[in-house]
PDB file of all heavy atoms in Angstrom:
ATOM      1  N   LYS A   1    -106.997 -35.977 126.767  1.00  0.00           N
ATOM      2  CA  LYS A   1    -108.208 -35.473 127.413  1.00  0.00           C
ATOM      3  C   LYS A   1    -109.005 -34.625 126.450  1.00  0.00           C
ATOM      4  O   LYS A   1    -108.435 -33.906 125.633  1.00  0.00           O
ATOM      5  CB  LYS A   1    -107.849 -34.661 128.652  1.00  0.00           C
ATOM      6  CG  LYS A   1    -109.060 -34.404 129.547  1.00  0.00           C
ATOM      7  CD  LYS A   1    -108.641 -33.883 130.899  1.00  0.00           C
ATOM      8  CE  LYS A   1    -109.860 -33.731 131.792  1.00  0.00           C
ATOM      9  NZ  LYS A   1    -109.500 -33.221 133.121  1.00  0.00           N
ATOM     10  N   ASN A   2    -110.293 -34.695 126.541  1.00  0.00           N
ATOM     11  CA  ASN A   2    -111.169 -33.950 125.640  1.00  0.00           C
ATOM     12  C   ASN A   2    -111.066 -32.453 125.937  1.00  0.00           C
ATOM     13  O   ASN A   2    -111.468 -31.987 127.002  1.00  0.00           O
ATOM     14  CB  ASN A   2    -112.617 -34.427 125.836  1.00  0.00           C
ATOM     15  CG  ASN A   2    -113.518 -33.894 124.742  1.00  0.00           C
ATOM     16  OD1 ASN A   2    -113.304 -32.822 124.208  1.00  0.00           O
ATOM     17  ND2 ASN A   2    -114.549 -34.655 124.408  1.00  0.00           N
ATOM     18  N   LEU A   3    -110.521 -31.728 124.974  1.00  0.00           N
ATOM     19  CA  LEU A   3    -110.355 -30.290 125.171  1.00  0.00           C
ATOM     20  C   LEU A   3    -111.685 -29.562 125.276  1.00  0.00           C
ATOM     21  O   LEU A   3    -111.782 -28.504 125.891  1.00  0.00           O
ATOM     22  CB  LEU A   3    -109.515 -29.706 124.033  1.00  0.00           C
ATOM     23  CG  LEU A   3    -108.035 -30.096 124.034  1.00  0.00           C
ATOM     24  CD1 LEU A   3    -107.331 -29.552 122.800  1.00  0.00           C
ATOM     25  CD2 LEU A   3    -107.342 -29.579 125.283  1.00  0.00           C
ATOM     26  N   LYS A   4    -112.710 -30.124 124.674  1.00  0.00           N
ATOM     27  CA  LYS A   4    -114.040 -29.526 124.782  1.00  0.00           C
ATOM     28  C   LYS A   4    -114.509 -29.543 126.226  1.00  0.00           C
ATOM     29  O   LYS A   4    -115.113 -28.578 126.716  1.00  0.00           O
ATOM     30  CB  LYS A   4    -115.021 -30.287 123.887  1.00  0.00           C
ATOM     31  CG  LYS A   4    -116.342 -29.569 123.672  1.00  0.00           C
ATOM     32  CD  LYS A   4    -116.140 -28.325 122.831  1.00  0.00           C
ATOM     33  CE  LYS A   4    -117.496 -27.661 122.543  1.00  0.00           C
ATOM     34  NZ  LYS A   4    -117.321 -26.394 121.812  1.00  0.00           N
ATOM     35  N   ASP A   5    -114.223 -30.653 126.909  1.00  0.00           N
ATOM     36  CA  ASP A   5    -114.603 -30.743 128.323  1.00  0.00           C
ATOM     37  C   ASP A   5    -113.827 -29.728 129.161  1.00  0.00           C
ATOM     38  O   ASP A   5    -114.377 -29.102 130.076  1.00  0.00           O
ATOM     39  CB  ASP A   5    -114.337 -32.154 128.848  1.00  0.00           C
ATOM     40  CG  ASP A   5    -115.268 -33.185 128.218  1.00  0.00           C
ATOM     41  OD1 ASP A   5    -116.317 -32.767 127.686  1.00  0.00           O
ATOM     42  OD2 ASP A   5    -114.935 -34.379 128.242  1.00  0.00           O
ATOM     43  N   ILE A   6    -112.536 -29.568 128.847  1.00  0.00           N
ATOM     44  CA  ILE A   6    -111.727 -28.593 129.577  1.00  0.00           C
ATOM     45  C   ILE A   6    -112.276 -27.180 129.373  1.00  0.00           C
ATOM     46  O   ILE A   6    -112.384 -26.395 130.315  1.00  0.00           O
ATOM     47  CB  ILE A   6    -110.250 -28.660 129.113  1.00  0.00           C
ATOM     48  CG1 ILE A   6    -109.646 -30.012 129.473  1.00  0.00           C
ATOM     49  CG2 ILE A   6    -109.435 -27.529 129.725  1.00  0.00           C
ATOM     50  CD1 ILE A   6    -108.230 -30.188 128.990  1.00  0.00           C
ATOM     51  N   GLN A   7    -112.636 -26.876 128.125  1.00  0.00           N
ATOM     52  CA  GLN A   7    -113.205 -25.560 127.827  1.00  0.00           C
ATOM     53  C   GLN A   7    -114.474 -25.333 128.631  1.00  0.00           C
ATOM     54  O   GLN A   7    -114.669 -24.264 129.215  1.00  0.00           O
ATOM     55  CB  GLN A   7    -113.503 -25.443 126.334  1.00  0.00           C
ATOM     56  CG  GLN A   7    -114.179 -24.127 125.959  1.00  0.00           C
ATOM     57  CD  GLN A   7    -114.501 -24.036 124.481  1.00  0.00           C
ATOM     58  OE1 GLN A   7    -114.037 -24.857 123.679  1.00  0.00           O
ATOM     59  NE2 GLN A   7    -115.302 -23.059 124.100  1.00  0.00           N
ATOM     60  N   GLU A   8    -115.329 -26.333 128.681  1.00  0.00           N
ATOM     61  CA  GLU A   8    -116.599 -26.193 129.412  1.00  0.00           C
ATOM     62  C   GLU A   8    -116.351 -25.986 130.894  1.00  0.00           C
ATOM     63  O   GLU A   8    -117.005 -25.151 131.539  1.00  0.00           O
ATOM     64  CB  GLU A   8    -117.446 -27.452 129.173  1.00  0.00           C
ATOM     65  CG  GLU A   8    -118.847 -27.335 129.759  1.00  0.00           C
ATOM     66  CD  GLU A   8    -119.701 -28.548 129.426  1.00  0.00           C
ATOM     67  OE1 GLU A   8    -119.308 -29.340 128.549  1.00  0.00           O
ATOM     68  OE2 GLU A   8    -120.761 -28.695 130.052  1.00  0.00           O
ATOM     69  N   GLU A   9    -115.394 -26.711 131.446  1.00  0.00           N
ATOM     70  CA  GLU A   9    -115.104 -26.578 132.870  1.00  0.00           C
ATOM     71  C   GLU A   9    -114.512 -25.203 133.192  1.00  0.00           C
ATOM     72  O   GLU A   9    -114.879 -24.569 134.189  1.00  0.00           O
ATOM     73  CB  GLU A   9    -114.136 -27.684 133.304  1.00  0.00           C
ATOM     74  CG  GLU A   9    -114.751 -29.080 133.281  1.00  0.00           C
ATOM     75  CD  GLU A   9    -113.711 -30.157 133.529  1.00  0.00           C
ATOM     76  OE1 GLU A   9    -112.534 -29.803 133.742  1.00  0.00           O
ATOM     77  OE2 GLU A   9    -114.072 -31.349 133.524  1.00  0.00           O
ATOM     78  N   LEU A  10    -113.607 -24.757 132.336  1.00  0.00           N
ATOM     79  CA  LEU A  10    -112.974 -23.461 132.572  1.00  0.00           C
ATOM     80  C   LEU A  10    -113.951 -22.302 132.465  1.00  0.00           C
ATOM     81  O   LEU A  10    -113.884 -21.336 133.232  1.00  0.00           O
ATOM     82  CB  LEU A  10    -111.818 -23.255 131.583  1.00  0.00           C
ATOM     83  CG  LEU A  10    -110.507 -23.976 131.894  1.00  0.00           C
ATOM     84  CD1 LEU A  10    -109.590 -23.967 130.683  1.00  0.00           C
ATOM     85  CD2 LEU A  10    -109.805 -23.322 133.086  1.00  0.00           C
ATOM     86  N   THR A  11    -114.864 -22.383 131.502  1.00  0.00           N
ATOM     87  CA  THR A  11    -115.816 -21.286 131.316  1.00  0.00           C
ATOM     88  C   THR A  11    -116.921 -21.278 132.368  1.00  0.00           C
ATOM     89  O   THR A  11    -117.655 -20.298 132.479  1.00  0.00           O
ATOM     90  CB  THR A  11    -116.446 -21.354 129.914  1.00  0.00           C
ATOM     91  OG1 THR A  11    -116.994 -22.661 129.700  1.00  0.00           O
ATOM     92  CG2 THR A  11    -115.405 -21.055 128.841  1.00  0.00           C
ATOM     93  N   LYS A  12    -117.027 -22.351 133.130  1.00  0.00           N
ATOM     94  CA  LYS A  12    -118.019 -22.401 134.213  1.00  0.00           C
ATOM     95  C   LYS A  12    -117.391 -22.115 135.576  1.00  0.00           C
ATOM     96  O   LYS A  12    -118.113 -21.819 136.533  1.00  0.00           O
ATOM     97  CB  LYS A  12    -118.694 -23.771 134.242  1.00  0.00           C
ATOM     98  CG  LYS A  12    -119.666 -24.006 133.097  1.00  0.00           C
ATOM     99  CD  LYS A  12    -120.328 -25.359 133.220  1.00  0.00           C
ATOM    100  CE  LYS A  12    -121.337 -25.589 132.083  1.00  0.00           C
ATOM    101  NZ  LYS A  12    -121.980 -26.923 132.184  1.00  0.00           N
ATOM    102  N   ASP A  13    -116.077 -22.220 135.657  1.00  0.00           N
ATOM    103  CA  ASP A  13    -115.381 -22.001 136.922  1.00  0.00           C
ATOM    104  C   ASP A  13    -115.364 -20.506 137.242  1.00  0.00           C
ATOM    105  O   ASP A  13    -114.830 -19.704 136.470  1.00  0.00           O
ATOM    106  CB  ASP A  13    -113.948 -22.529 136.810  1.00  0.00           C
ATOM    107  CG  ASP A  13    -113.231 -22.548 138.163  1.00  0.00           C
ATOM    108  OD1 ASP A  13    -113.582 -21.746 139.040  1.00  0.00           O
ATOM    109  OD2 ASP A  13    -112.302 -23.359 138.317  1.00  0.00           O
ATOM    110  N   PRO A  14    -115.947 -20.089 138.379  1.00  0.00           N
ATOM    111  CA  PRO A  14    -115.996 -18.648 138.698  1.00  0.00           C
ATOM    112  C   PRO A  14    -114.617 -18.032 138.939  1.00  0.00           C
ATOM    113  O   PRO A  14    -114.462 -16.809 138.890  1.00  0.00           O
ATOM    114  CB  PRO A  14    -116.847 -18.599 139.969  1.00  0.00           C
ATOM    115  CG  PRO A  14    -116.733 -19.960 140.568  1.00  0.00           C
ATOM    116  CD  PRO A  14    -116.591 -20.904 139.415  1.00  0.00           C
ATOM    117  N   PHE A  15    -113.606 -18.881 139.202  1.00  0.00           N
ATOM    118  CA  PHE A  15    -112.257 -18.367 139.432  1.00  0.00           C
ATOM    119  C   PHE A  15    -111.468 -18.169 138.131  1.00  0.00           C
ATOM    120  O   PHE A  15    -110.407 -17.560 138.147  1.00  0.00           O
ATOM    121  CB  PHE A  15    -111.480 -19.314 140.357  1.00  0.00           C
ATOM    122  CG  PHE A  15    -112.009 -19.341 141.755  1.00  0.00           C
ATOM    123  CD1 PHE A  15    -112.793 -20.399 142.180  1.00  0.00           C
ATOM    124  CD2 PHE A  15    -111.750 -18.315 142.643  1.00  0.00           C
ATOM    125  CE1 PHE A  15    -113.298 -20.442 143.476  1.00  0.00           C
ATOM    126  CE2 PHE A  15    -112.246 -18.342 143.938  1.00  0.00           C
ATOM    127  CZ  PHE A  15    -113.025 -19.404 144.358  1.00  0.00           C
ATOM    128  N   THR A  16    -111.971 -18.693 137.035  1.00  0.00           N
ATOM    129  CA  THR A  16    -111.271 -18.550 135.757  1.00  0.00           C
ATOM    130  C   THR A  16    -112.083 -17.792 134.712  1.00  0.00           C
ATOM    131  O   THR A  16    -111.526 -17.050 133.912  1.00  0.00           O
ATOM    132  CB  THR A  16    -110.897 -19.929 135.189  1.00  0.00           C
ATOM    133  OG1 THR A  16    -112.095 -20.711 135.028  1.00  0.00           O
ATOM    134  CG2 THR A  16    -109.926 -20.661 136.100  1.00  0.00           C
ATOM    135  N   GLU A  17    -113.396 -17.953 134.736  1.00  0.00           N
ATOM    136  CA  GLU A  17    -114.250 -17.276 133.754  1.00  0.00           C
ATOM    137  C   GLU A  17    -114.196 -15.765 133.992  1.00  0.00           C
ATOM    138  O   GLU A  17    -114.313 -15.294 135.118  1.00  0.00           O
ATOM    139  CB  GLU A  17    -115.689 -17.794 133.873  1.00  0.00           C
ATOM    140  CG  GLU A  17    -116.600 -17.354 132.733  1.00  0.00           C
ATOM    141  CD  GLU A  17    -117.262 -16.010 133.013  1.00  0.00           C
ATOM    142  OE1 GLU A  17    -117.645 -15.759 134.171  1.00  0.00           O
ATOM    143  OE2 GLU A  17    -117.344 -15.205 132.067  1.00  0.00           O
ATOM    144  N   SER A  18    -113.970 -15.024 132.906  1.00  0.00           N
ATOM    145  CA  SER A  18    -113.803 -13.563 132.908  1.00  0.00           C
ATOM    146  C   SER A  18    -112.472 -13.123 133.506  1.00  0.00           C
ATOM    147  O   SER A  18    -112.192 -11.922 133.580  1.00  0.00           O
ATOM    148  CB  SER A  18    -114.949 -12.856 133.651  1.00  0.00           C
ATOM    149  OG  SER A  18    -116.158 -13.066 132.970  1.00  0.00           O
ATOM    150  N   PHE A  19    -111.657 -14.063 133.956  1.00  0.00           N
ATOM    151  CA  PHE A  19    -110.320 -13.730 134.450  1.00  0.00           C
ATOM    152  C   PHE A  19    -109.243 -14.326 133.536  1.00  0.00           C
ATOM    153  O   PHE A  19    -108.347 -13.640 133.082  1.00  0.00           O
ATOM    154  CB  PHE A  19    -110.141 -14.243 135.873  1.00  0.00           C
ATOM    155  CG  PHE A  19    -108.768 -14.036 136.426  1.00  0.00           C
ATOM    156  CD1 PHE A  19    -108.260 -12.758 136.641  1.00  0.00           C
ATOM    157  CD2 PHE A  19    -107.964 -15.125 136.742  1.00  0.00           C
ATOM    158  CE1 PHE A  19    -106.985 -12.580 137.144  1.00  0.00           C
ATOM    159  CE2 PHE A  19    -106.683 -14.941 137.248  1.00  0.00           C
ATOM    160  CZ  PHE A  19    -106.191 -13.665 137.457  1.00  0.00           C
ATOM    161  N   LEU A  20    -109.378 -15.601 133.250  1.00  0.00           N
ATOM    162  CA  LEU A  20    -108.441 -16.272 132.351  1.00  0.00           C
ATOM    163  C   LEU A  20    -109.062 -16.634 131.007  1.00  0.00           C
ATOM    164  O   LEU A  20    -108.347 -16.896 130.045  1.00  0.00           O
ATOM    165  CB  LEU A  20    -107.874 -17.531 133.007  1.00  0.00           C
ATOM    166  CG  LEU A  20    -106.870 -17.304 134.136  1.00  0.00           C
ATOM    167  CD1 LEU A  20    -106.528 -18.625 134.810  1.00  0.00           C
ATOM    168  CD2 LEU A  20    -105.612 -16.622 133.634  1.00  0.00           C
ATOM    169  N   VAL A  21    -110.385 -16.665 130.938  1.00  0.00           N
ATOM    170  CA  VAL A  21    -111.050 -17.029 129.687  1.00  0.00           C
ATOM    171  C   VAL A  21    -112.444 -16.420 129.677  1.00  0.00           C
ATOM    172  O   VAL A  21    -113.061 -16.228 130.739  1.00  0.00           O
ATOM    173  CB  VAL A  21    -111.123 -18.575 129.538  1.00  0.00           C
ATOM    174  CG1 VAL A  21    -112.018 -19.194 130.601  1.00  0.00           C
ATOM    175  CG2 VAL A  21    -111.561 -18.979 128.141  1.00  0.00           C
ATOM    176  N   ASN A  22    -112.948 -16.072 128.481  1.00  0.00           N
ATOM    177  CA  ASN A  22    -114.306 -15.535 128.391  1.00  0.00           C
ATOM    178  C   ASN A  22    -115.309 -16.670 128.225  1.00  0.00           C
ATOM    179  O   ASN A  22    -114.954 -17.839 128.035  1.00  0.00           O
ATOM    180  CB  ASN A  22    -114.420 -14.538 127.238  1.00  0.00           C
ATOM    181  CG  ASN A  22    -114.245 -15.202 125.885  1.00  0.00           C
ATOM    182  OD1 ASN A  22    -113.643 -16.270 125.776  1.00  0.00           O
ATOM    183  ND2 ASN A  22    -114.757 -14.582 124.836  1.00  0.00           N
ATOM    184  N   LYS A  23    -116.578 -16.331 128.314  1.00  0.00           N
ATOM    185  CA  LYS A  23    -117.621 -17.360 128.238  1.00  0.00           C
ATOM    186  C   LYS A  23    -117.620 -18.073 126.897  1.00  0.00           C
ATOM    187  O   LYS A  23    -117.906 -19.272 126.811  1.00  0.00           O
ATOM    188  CB  LYS A  23    -118.999 -16.733 128.488  1.00  0.00           C
ATOM    189  CG  LYS A  23    -119.325 -16.511 129.959  1.00  0.00           C
ATOM    190  CD  LYS A  23    -120.764 -16.067 130.113  1.00  0.00           C
ATOM    191  CE  LYS A  23    -121.131 -15.942 131.591  1.00  0.00           C
ATOM    192  NZ  LYS A  23    -121.124 -17.258 132.269  1.00  0.00           N
ATOM    193  N   ALA A  24    -117.325 -17.348 125.820  1.00  0.00           N
ATOM    194  CA  ALA A  24    -117.333 -17.952 124.490  1.00  0.00           C
ATOM    195  C   ALA A  24    -116.147 -18.891 124.272  1.00  0.00           C
ATOM    196  O   ALA A  24    -116.150 -19.702 123.337  1.00  0.00           O
ATOM    197  CB  ALA A  24    -117.324 -16.862 123.418  1.00  0.00           C
ATOM    198  N   GLY A  25    -115.138 -18.780 125.112  1.00  0.00           N
ATOM    199  CA  GLY A  25    -113.994 -19.675 125.008  1.00  0.00           C
ATOM    200  C   GLY A  25    -113.067 -19.378 123.842  1.00  0.00           C
ATOM    201  O   GLY A  25    -112.341 -20.268 123.399  1.00  0.00           O
ATOM    202  N   ASN A  26    -113.056 -18.132 123.378  1.00  0.00           N
ATOM    203  CA  ASN A  26    -112.147 -17.780 122.283  1.00  0.00           C
ATOM    204  C   ASN A  26    -111.173 -16.660 122.645  1.00  0.00           C
ATOM    205  O   ASN A  26    -110.394 -16.216 121.817  1.00  0.00           O
ATOM    206  CB  ASN A  26    -112.939 -17.375 121.035  1.00  0.00           C
ATOM    207  CG  ASN A  26    -113.764 -16.117 121.250  1.00  0.00           C
ATOM    208  OD1 ASN A  26    -114.017 -15.710 122.391  1.00  0.00           O
ATOM    209  ND2 ASN A  26    -114.193 -15.500 120.171  1.00  0.00           N
ATOM    210  N   VAL A  27    -111.231 -16.187 123.886  1.00  0.00           N
ATOM    211  CA  VAL A  27    -110.310 -15.151 124.357  1.00  0.00           C
ATOM    212  C   VAL A  27    -109.768 -15.556 125.714  1.00  0.00           C
ATOM    213  O   VAL A  27    -110.525 -15.938 126.604  1.00  0.00           O
ATOM    214  CB  VAL A  27    -110.993 -13.768 124.474  1.00  0.00           C
ATOM    215  CG1 VAL A  27    -110.017 -12.737 125.033  1.00  0.00           C
ATOM    216  CG2 VAL A  27    -111.534 -13.311 123.132  1.00  0.00           C
ATOM    217  N   THR A  28    -108.471 -15.481 125.844  1.00  0.00           N
ATOM    218  CA  THR A  28    -107.826 -15.720 127.133  1.00  0.00           C
ATOM    219  C   THR A  28    -106.917 -14.552 127.452  1.00  0.00           C
ATOM    220  O   THR A  28    -106.808 -13.604 126.665  1.00  0.00           O
ATOM    221  CB  THR A  28    -107.025 -17.036 127.117  1.00  0.00           C
ATOM    222  OG1 THR A  28    -106.511 -17.283 128.438  1.00  0.00           O
ATOM    223  CG2 THR A  28    -105.860 -16.972 126.139  1.00  0.00           C
ATOM    224  N   ALA A  29    -106.298 -14.596 128.600  1.00  0.00           N
ATOM    225  CA  ALA A  29    -105.347 -13.558 128.994  1.00  0.00           C
ATOM    226  C   ALA A  29    -104.259 -14.202 129.827  1.00  0.00           C
ATOM    227  O   ALA A  29    -104.503 -15.196 130.523  1.00  0.00           O
ATOM    228  CB  ALA A  29    -106.039 -12.457 129.784  1.00  0.00           C
ATOM    229  N   PHE A  30    -103.070 -13.663 129.725  1.00  0.00           N
ATOM    230  CA  PHE A  30    -102.013 -14.080 130.642  1.00  0.00           C
ATOM    231  C   PHE A  30    -101.453 -12.844 131.320  1.00  0.00           C
ATOM    232  O   PHE A  30    -101.453 -11.743 130.759  1.00  0.00           O
ATOM    233  CB  PHE A  30    -100.931 -14.916 129.955  1.00  0.00           C
ATOM    234  CG  PHE A  30    -100.350 -14.329 128.707  1.00  0.00           C
ATOM    235  CD1 PHE A  30     -99.223 -13.513 128.755  1.00  0.00           C
ATOM    236  CD2 PHE A  30    -100.910 -14.604 127.472  1.00  0.00           C
ATOM    237  CE1 PHE A  30     -98.675 -12.989 127.603  1.00  0.00           C
ATOM    238  CE2 PHE A  30    -100.366 -14.087 126.313  1.00  0.00           C
ATOM    239  CZ  PHE A  30     -99.244 -13.273 126.376  1.00  0.00           C
ATOM    240  N   TYR A  31    -100.987 -13.035 132.540  1.00  0.00           N
ATOM    241  CA  TYR A  31    -100.625 -11.934 133.415  1.00  0.00           C
ATOM    242  C   TYR A  31     -99.151 -12.045 133.792  1.00  0.00           C
ATOM    243  O   TYR A  31     -98.712 -13.081 134.289  1.00  0.00           O
ATOM    244  CB  TYR A  31    -101.485 -11.939 134.682  1.00  0.00           C
ATOM    245  CG  TYR A  31    -102.962 -11.820 134.388  1.00  0.00           C
ATOM    246  CD1 TYR A  31    -103.712 -12.946 134.038  1.00  0.00           C
ATOM    247  CD2 TYR A  31    -103.603 -10.600 134.458  1.00  0.00           C
ATOM    248  CE1 TYR A  31    -105.071 -12.846 133.756  1.00  0.00           C
ATOM    249  CE2 TYR A  31    -104.960 -10.485 134.190  1.00  0.00           C
ATOM    250  CZ  TYR A  31    -105.690 -11.616 133.833  1.00  0.00           C
ATOM    251  OH  TYR A  31    -107.021 -11.507 133.552  1.00  0.00           O
ATOM    252  N   ILE A  32     -98.410 -10.952 133.554  1.00  0.00           N
ATOM    253  CA  ILE A  32     -96.975 -10.919 133.827  1.00  0.00           C
ATOM    254  C   ILE A  32     -96.754 -10.071 135.076  1.00  0.00           C
ATOM    255  O   ILE A  32     -96.992  -8.858 135.067  1.00  0.00           O
ATOM    256  CB  ILE A  32     -96.199 -10.320 132.640  1.00  0.00           C
ATOM    257  CG1 ILE A  32     -96.546 -11.070 131.352  1.00  0.00           C
ATOM    258  CG2 ILE A  32     -94.704 -10.337 132.902  1.00  0.00           C
ATOM    259  CD1 ILE A  32     -96.151 -10.332 130.086  1.00  0.00           C
ATOM    260  N   GLU A  33     -96.314 -10.704 136.143  1.00  0.00           N
ATOM    261  CA  GLU A  33     -96.103  -9.994 137.400  1.00  0.00           C
ATOM    262  C   GLU A  33     -94.648  -9.576 137.524  1.00  0.00           C
ATOM    263  O   GLU A  33     -93.738 -10.402 137.418  1.00  0.00           O
ATOM    264  CB  GLU A  33     -96.496 -10.892 138.572  1.00  0.00           C
ATOM    265  CG  GLU A  33     -96.453 -10.188 139.913  1.00  0.00           C
ATOM    266  CD  GLU A  33     -96.937 -11.075 141.049  1.00  0.00           C
ATOM    267  OE1 GLU A  33     -97.790 -11.951 140.792  1.00  0.00           O
ATOM    268  OE2 GLU A  33     -96.448 -10.891 142.185  1.00  0.00           O
ATOM    269  N   ILE A  34     -94.429  -8.279 137.731  1.00  0.00           N
ATOM    270  CA  ILE A  34     -93.075  -7.740 137.864  1.00  0.00           C
ATOM    271  C   ILE A  34     -92.544  -8.024 139.257  1.00  0.00           C
ATOM    272  O   ILE A  34     -93.280  -7.942 140.246  1.00  0.00           O
ATOM    273  CB  ILE A  34     -93.077  -6.228 137.580  1.00  0.00           C
ATOM    274  CG1 ILE A  34     -93.587  -5.961 136.152  1.00  0.00           C
ATOM    275  CG2 ILE A  34     -91.686  -5.629 137.748  1.00  0.00           C
ATOM    276  CD1 ILE A  34     -93.814  -4.499 135.851  1.00  0.00           C
ATOM    277  N   ALA A  35     -91.261  -8.368 139.346  1.00  0.00           N
ATOM    278  CA  ALA A  35     -90.646  -8.707 140.632  1.00  0.00           C
ATOM    279  C   ALA A  35     -90.766  -7.539 141.611  1.00  0.00           C
ATOM    280  O   ALA A  35     -90.709  -6.369 141.224  1.00  0.00           O
ATOM    281  CB  ALA A  35     -89.180  -9.074 140.423  1.00  0.00           C
ATOM    282  N   LYS A  36     -90.919  -7.867 142.867  1.00  0.00           N
ATOM    283  CA  LYS A  36     -91.073  -6.859 143.907  1.00  0.00           C
ATOM    284  C   LYS A  36     -89.841  -5.965 143.977  1.00  0.00           C
ATOM    285  O   LYS A  36     -88.707  -6.428 143.950  1.00  0.00           O
ATOM    286  CB  LYS A  36     -91.287  -7.547 145.261  1.00  0.00           C
ATOM    287  CG  LYS A  36     -91.663  -6.587 146.380  1.00  0.00           C
ATOM    288  CD  LYS A  36     -91.977  -7.334 147.652  1.00  0.00           C
ATOM    289  CE  LYS A  36     -92.388  -6.367 148.758  1.00  0.00           C
ATOM    290  NZ  LYS A  36     -92.693  -7.092 150.022  1.00  0.00           N
ATOM    291  N   GLY A  37     -90.064  -4.664 144.067  1.00  0.00           N
ATOM    292  CA  GLY A  37     -88.978  -3.704 144.156  1.00  0.00           C
ATOM    293  C   GLY A  37     -88.356  -3.348 142.821  1.00  0.00           C
ATOM    294  O   GLY A  37     -87.415  -2.555 142.767  1.00  0.00           O
ATOM    295  N   LYS A  38     -88.862  -3.917 141.727  1.00  0.00           N
ATOM    296  CA  LYS A  38     -88.306  -3.668 140.400  1.00  0.00           C
ATOM    297  C   LYS A  38     -89.282  -2.921 139.485  1.00  0.00           C
ATOM    298  O   LYS A  38     -89.016  -2.780 138.296  1.00  0.00           O
ATOM    299  CB  LYS A  38     -87.913  -4.991 139.728  1.00  0.00           C
ATOM    300  CG  LYS A  38     -86.881  -5.788 140.500  1.00  0.00           C
ATOM    301  CD  LYS A  38     -85.536  -5.077 140.524  1.00  0.00           C
ATOM    302  CE  LYS A  38     -84.471  -5.904 141.198  1.00  0.00           C
ATOM    303  NZ  LYS A  38     -83.157  -5.225 141.204  1.00  0.00           N
ATOM    304  N   ASN A  39     -90.373  -2.442 140.045  1.00  0.00           N
ATOM    305  CA  ASN A  39     -91.416  -1.819 139.224  1.00  0.00           C
ATOM    306  C   ASN A  39     -91.081  -0.357 138.960  1.00  0.00           C
ATOM    307  O   ASN A  39     -91.689   0.562 139.514  1.00  0.00           O
ATOM    308  CB  ASN A  39     -92.770  -1.951 139.927  1.00  0.00           C
ATOM    309  CG  ASN A  39     -93.923  -1.526 139.032  1.00  0.00           C
ATOM    310  OD1 ASN A  39     -93.746  -1.325 137.830  1.00  0.00           O
ATOM    311  ND2 ASN A  39     -95.097  -1.401 139.615  1.00  0.00           N
ATOM    312  N   ASN A  40     -90.071  -0.131 138.101  1.00  0.00           N
ATOM    313  CA  ASN A  40     -89.726   1.220 137.699  1.00  0.00           C
ATOM    314  C   ASN A  40     -89.729   1.312 136.176  1.00  0.00           C
ATOM    315  O   ASN A  40     -89.884   0.303 135.489  1.00  0.00           O
ATOM    316  CB  ASN A  40     -88.371   1.643 138.276  1.00  0.00           C
ATOM    317  CG  ASN A  40     -87.259   0.682 137.907  1.00  0.00           C
ATOM    318  OD1 ASN A  40     -86.981   0.457 136.730  1.00  0.00           O
ATOM    319  ND2 ASN A  40     -86.614   0.095 138.908  1.00  0.00           N
TER     320      ASN A  40
END
């Protein structure tokens, strides 16, 4: 699959843009969720 197309779709998706990827498509983020009751 064309990765350029994926980049364009992700940067236009309001649920991913600024959350998982920036508009320029060169910065992403991943989120590590701690198990419930273990946040010490």
